[in-house]
Amino acid sequence: MPTHYWDDVDWKGITAAGRFIGDNLRRYGRVSVFQVKEKWGELRVYCSLGVTSLLQITHPGYMHYRPYPTWLKKLDIYVISRLLSPLNIAVMPYHKWLYRYLYKRAIKKWPHLKLEILNGADWPELLRGFGGSIDGI
């Protein structure tokens, strides 16, 4: 449920906060960020934590294997993805930390958009203690 009226929404701020979170998740964590958008006046950053393929490491956010030749695509799907699975033991805690860290930085940078940033979070269970709908505020 939106926490505002349409005429008092800082659209540029929501866009900037989404770009900040999405770009930095890709840059520093190689997290697959599929989409960053505003919906109902709230920020949505759709992403997948953990490592599932070589494509995610080399081209985070890509949905298709377009930059890969066919042989590498098949190798990644059938072999490399299985080899990367144990790597998630180390990668998942880092991705969770980075996700929390970037949301915390976004809230500090855009404090007037705290509820708009938090209420549409893809992984709200990682943001407990920040306020927003997950904490009952």
C-alpha atoms as a PDB file:
ATOM      1  CA  MET A   1       0.000   0.000   0.000  1.00  0.00           C
ATOM      2  CA  PRO A   2       1.489   3.344  -1.004  1.00  0.00           C
ATOM      3  CA  THR A   3       2.602   5.588   1.844  1.00  0.00           C
ATOM      4  CA  HIS A   4       2.056   8.864  -0.032  1.00  0.00           C
ATOM      5  CA  TYR A   5      -0.011  10.839  -2.487  1.00  0.00           C
ATOM      6  CA  TRP A   6       0.978  10.767  -6.165  1.00  0.00           C
ATOM      7  CA  ASP A   7       1.707  14.472  -6.354  1.00  0.00           C
ATOM      8  CA  ASP A   8       4.250  14.398  -3.509  1.00  0.00           C
ATOM      9  CA  VAL A   9       6.430  11.553  -4.804  1.00  0.00           C
ATOM     10  CA  ASP A  10      10.090  12.315  -5.525  1.00  0.00           C
ATOM     11  CA  TRP A  11      10.264  10.415  -8.817  1.00  0.00           C
ATOM     12  CA  LYS A  12      13.840  11.489  -9.559  1.00  0.00           C
ATOM     13  CA  GLY A  13      14.956  10.402  -6.090  1.00  0.00           C
ATOM     14  CA  ILE A  14      13.351   6.962  -6.446  1.00  0.00           C
ATOM     15  CA  THR A  15      14.997   6.519  -9.844  1.00  0.00           C
ATOM     16  CA  ALA A  16      18.391   7.619  -8.500  1.00  0.00           C
ATOM     17  CA  ALA A  17      18.131   5.325  -5.458  1.00  0.00           C
ATOM     18  CA  GLY A  18      17.210   2.375  -7.682  1.00  0.00           C
ATOM     19  CA  ARG A  19      20.079   3.054 -10.029  1.00  0.00           C
ATOM     20  CA  PHE A  20      22.456   3.389  -7.053  1.00  0.00           C
ATOM     21  CA  ILE A  21      21.422   0.046  -5.540  1.00  0.00           C
ATOM     22  CA  GLY A  22      21.154  -1.881  -8.819  1.00  0.00           C
ATOM     23  CA  ASP A  23      24.392  -0.618 -10.365  1.00  0.00           C
ATOM     24  CA  ASN A  24      26.412  -1.239  -7.208  1.00  0.00           C
ATOM     25  CA  LEU A  25      24.987  -4.736  -6.698  1.00  0.00           C
ATOM     26  CA  ARG A  26      26.153  -5.565 -10.221  1.00  0.00           C
ATOM     27  CA  ARG A  27      29.496  -3.797  -9.893  1.00  0.00           C
ATOM     28  CA  TYR A  28      30.673  -4.954  -6.464  1.00  0.00           C
ATOM     29  CA  GLY A  29      28.827  -8.244  -6.055  1.00  0.00           C
ATOM     30  CA  ARG A  30      28.254  -9.454  -9.618  1.00  0.00           C
ATOM     31  CA  VAL A  31      24.635  -9.886  -8.495  1.00  0.00           C
ATOM     32  CA  SER A  32      22.108 -10.556 -11.249  1.00  0.00           C
ATOM     33  CA  VAL A  33      19.863  -7.502 -11.115  1.00  0.00           C
ATOM     34  CA  PHE A  34      17.074  -8.237 -13.565  1.00  0.00           C
ATOM     35  CA  GLN A  35      15.073  -5.042 -13.262  1.00  0.00           C
ATOM     36  CA  VAL A  36      15.046  -1.761 -11.349  1.00  0.00           C
ATOM     37  CA  LYS A  37      11.816   0.201 -11.450  1.00  0.00           C
ATOM     38  CA  GLU A  38       9.263   2.244  -9.583  1.00  0.00           C
ATOM     39  CA  LYS A  39       5.906   0.607  -8.956  1.00  0.00           C
ATOM     40  CA  TRP A  40       3.080   2.295  -7.068  1.00  0.00           C
ATOM     41  CA  GLY A  41       5.515   4.944  -5.864  1.00  0.00           C
ATOM     42  CA  GLU A  42       7.900   2.401  -4.332  1.00  0.00           C
ATOM     43  CA  LEU A  43      11.312   1.234  -5.481  1.00  0.00           C
ATOM     44  CA  ARG A  44      11.667  -2.308  -6.825  1.00  0.00           C
ATOM     45  CA  VAL A  45      15.087  -3.899  -7.348  1.00  0.00           C
ATOM     46  CA  TYR A  46      14.547  -7.437  -8.642  1.00  0.00           C
ATOM     47  CA  CYS A  47      17.670  -9.527  -8.184  1.00  0.00           C
ATOM     48  CA  SER A  48      18.974 -13.024  -7.597  1.00  0.00           C
ATOM     49  CA  LEU A  49      21.562 -13.590  -4.889  1.00  0.00           C
ATOM     50  CA  GLY A  50      24.231 -16.268  -5.234  1.00  0.00           C
ATOM     51  CA  VAL A  51      26.204 -17.491  -8.257  1.00  0.00           C
ATOM     52  CA  THR A  52      24.519 -19.799 -10.742  1.00  0.00           C
ATOM     53  CA  SER A  53      26.512 -19.401 -13.956  1.00  0.00           C
ATOM     54  CA  LEU A  54      29.607 -17.988 -15.597  1.00  0.00           C
ATOM     55  CA  LEU A  55      27.348 -15.535 -17.436  1.00  0.00           C
ATOM     56  CA  GLN A  56      26.354 -14.025 -14.091  1.00  0.00           C
ATOM     57  CA  ILE A  57      29.995 -13.380 -13.235  1.00  0.00           C
ATOM     58  CA  THR A  58      31.031 -11.965 -16.604  1.00  0.00           C
ATOM     59  CA  HIS A  59      27.778 -10.154 -17.553  1.00  0.00           C
ATOM     60  CA  PRO A  60      25.610  -9.636 -14.437  1.00  0.00           C
ATOM     61  CA  GLY A  61      22.038  -8.730 -15.286  1.00  0.00           C
ATOM     62  CA  TYR A  62      22.035 -10.325 -18.747  1.00  0.00           C
ATOM     63  CA  MET A  63      19.112 -12.662 -19.333  1.00  0.00           C
ATOM     64  CA  HIS A  64      20.448 -14.302 -22.496  1.00  0.00           C
ATOM     65  CA  TYR A  65      23.722 -15.869 -23.544  1.00  0.00           C
ATOM     66  CA  ARG A  66      24.096 -13.483 -26.482  1.00  0.00           C
ATOM     67  CA  PRO A  67      27.724 -12.538 -25.689  1.00  0.00           C
ATOM     68  CA  TYR A  68      28.766 -16.217 -25.618  1.00  0.00           C
ATOM     69  CA  PRO A  69      29.463 -18.603 -28.497  1.00  0.00           C
ATOM     70  CA  THR A  70      27.208 -21.681 -28.571  1.00  0.00           C
ATOM     71  CA  TRP A  71      29.874 -24.060 -27.206  1.00  0.00           C
ATOM     72  CA  LEU A  72      30.521 -21.819 -24.169  1.00  0.00           C
ATOM     73  CA  LYS A  73      26.796 -21.429 -23.553  1.00  0.00           C
ATOM     74  CA  LYS A  74      26.366 -25.215 -23.438  1.00  0.00           C
ATOM     75  CA  LEU A  75      29.468 -25.643 -21.278  1.00  0.00           C
ATOM     76  CA  ASP A  76      28.162 -23.032 -18.847  1.00  0.00           C
ATOM     77  CA  ILE A  77      24.679 -24.534 -18.589  1.00  0.00           C
ATOM     78  CA  TYR A  78      25.705 -28.181 -18.220  1.00  0.00           C
ATOM     79  CA  VAL A  79      29.137 -28.093 -16.530  1.00  0.00           C
ATOM     80  CA  ILE A  80      30.263 -24.734 -15.136  1.00  0.00           C
ATOM     81  CA  SER A  81      26.975 -24.036 -13.321  1.00  0.00           C
ATOM     82  CA  ARG A  82      27.393 -27.267 -11.346  1.00  0.00           C
ATOM     83  CA  LEU A  83      30.981 -26.405 -10.455  1.00  0.00           C
ATOM     84  CA  LEU A  84      29.957 -22.942  -9.226  1.00  0.00           C
ATOM     85  CA  SER A  85      27.248 -24.215  -6.881  1.00  0.00           C
ATOM     86  CA  PRO A  86      29.614 -24.940  -3.933  1.00  0.00           C
ATOM     87  CA  LEU A  87      31.000 -21.418  -4.314  1.00  0.00           C
ATOM     88  CA  ASN A  88      27.715 -20.086  -2.878  1.00  0.00           C
ATOM     89  CA  ILE A  89      28.859 -21.058   0.610  1.00  0.00           C
ATOM     90  CA  ALA A  90      31.183 -18.055   0.454  1.00  0.00           C
ATOM     91  CA  VAL A  91      29.268 -15.869  -1.996  1.00  0.00           C
ATOM     92  CA  MET A  92      25.827 -15.820  -0.325  1.00  0.00           C
ATOM     93  CA  PRO A  93      26.958 -14.191   2.950  1.00  0.00           C
ATOM     94  CA  TYR A  94      28.776 -11.502   0.939  1.00  0.00           C
ATOM     95  CA  HIS A  95      25.766 -10.877  -1.305  1.00  0.00           C
ATOM     96  CA  LYS A  96      23.484 -10.583   1.732  1.00  0.00           C
ATOM     97  CA  TRP A  97      25.903  -8.169   3.410  1.00  0.00           C
ATOM     98  CA  LEU A  98      26.226  -6.080   0.225  1.00  0.00           C
ATOM     99  CA  TYR A  99      22.444  -5.986  -0.230  1.00  0.00           C
ATOM    100  CA  ARG A 100      21.960  -4.680   3.335  1.00  0.00           C
ATOM    101  CA  TYR A 101      24.865  -2.258   3.015  1.00  0.00           C
ATOM    102  CA  LEU A 102      23.596  -0.693  -0.213  1.00  0.00           C
ATOM    103  CA  TYR A 103      20.055  -0.318   1.105  1.00  0.00           C
ATOM    104  CA  LYS A 104      21.424   1.314   4.254  1.00  0.00           C
ATOM    105  CA  ARG A 105      23.519   3.722   2.138  1.00  0.00           C
ATOM    106  CA  ALA A 106      20.515   4.529  -0.067  1.00  0.00           C
ATOM    107  CA  ILE A 107      18.416   5.337   3.000  1.00  0.00           C
ATOM    108  CA  LYS A 108      21.167   7.623   4.315  1.00  0.00           C
ATOM    109  CA  LYS A 109      21.458   9.326   0.933  1.00  0.00           C
ATOM    110  CA  TRP A 110      17.678   9.704   0.420  1.00  0.00           C
ATOM    111  CA  PRO A 111      16.211   9.726   3.966  1.00  0.00           C
ATOM    112  CA  HIS A 112      12.940  11.269   2.786  1.00  0.00           C
ATOM    113  CA  LEU A 113      12.389   8.134   0.646  1.00  0.00           C
ATOM    114  CA  LYS A 114      13.005   5.577   3.384  1.00  0.00           C
ATOM    115  CA  LEU A 115       9.581   3.931   3.187  1.00  0.00           C
ATOM    116  CA  GLU A 116       9.512   4.044  -0.624  1.00  0.00           C
ATOM    117  CA  ILE A 117      12.917   2.318  -0.738  1.00  0.00           C
ATOM    118  CA  LEU A 118      12.182  -0.327   1.890  1.00  0.00           C
ATOM    119  CA  ASN A 119       8.561  -1.300   1.254  1.00  0.00           C
ATOM    120  CA  GLY A 120       9.186  -2.671  -2.238  1.00  0.00           C
ATOM    121  CA  ALA A 121      12.406  -4.554  -1.411  1.00  0.00           C
ATOM    122  CA  ASP A 122      12.880  -7.906  -3.136  1.00  0.00           C
ATOM    123  CA  TRP A 123      14.481  -9.468  -0.032  1.00  0.00           C
ATOM    124  CA  PRO A 124      12.745  -7.711   2.907  1.00  0.00           C
ATOM    125  CA  GLU A 125      13.881 -10.366   5.390  1.00  0.00           C
ATOM    126  CA  LEU A 126      17.439  -9.093   4.905  1.00  0.00           C
ATOM    127  CA  LEU A 127      16.397  -5.575   5.855  1.00  0.00           C
ATOM    128  CA  ARG A 128      14.953  -6.220   9.299  1.00  0.00           C
ATOM    129  CA  GLY A 129      15.723  -3.386  11.676  1.00  0.00           C
ATOM    130  CA  PHE A 130      15.679  -0.699   8.974  1.00  0.00           C
ATOM    131  CA  GLY A 131      11.987   0.184   9.461  1.00  0.00           C
ATOM    132  CA  GLY A 132       9.420  -0.105   6.684  1.00  0.00           C
ATOM    133  CA  SER A 133       6.581  -2.594   6.361  1.00  0.00           C
ATOM    134  CA  ILE A 134       8.746  -5.579   7.332  1.00  0.00           C
ATOM    135  CA  ASP A 135       9.146  -4.142  10.847  1.00  0.00           C
ATOM    136  CA  GLY A 136       5.512  -3.128  11.122  1.00  0.00           C
ATOM    137  CA  ILE A 137       6.122   0.593  10.670  1.00  0.00           C
END
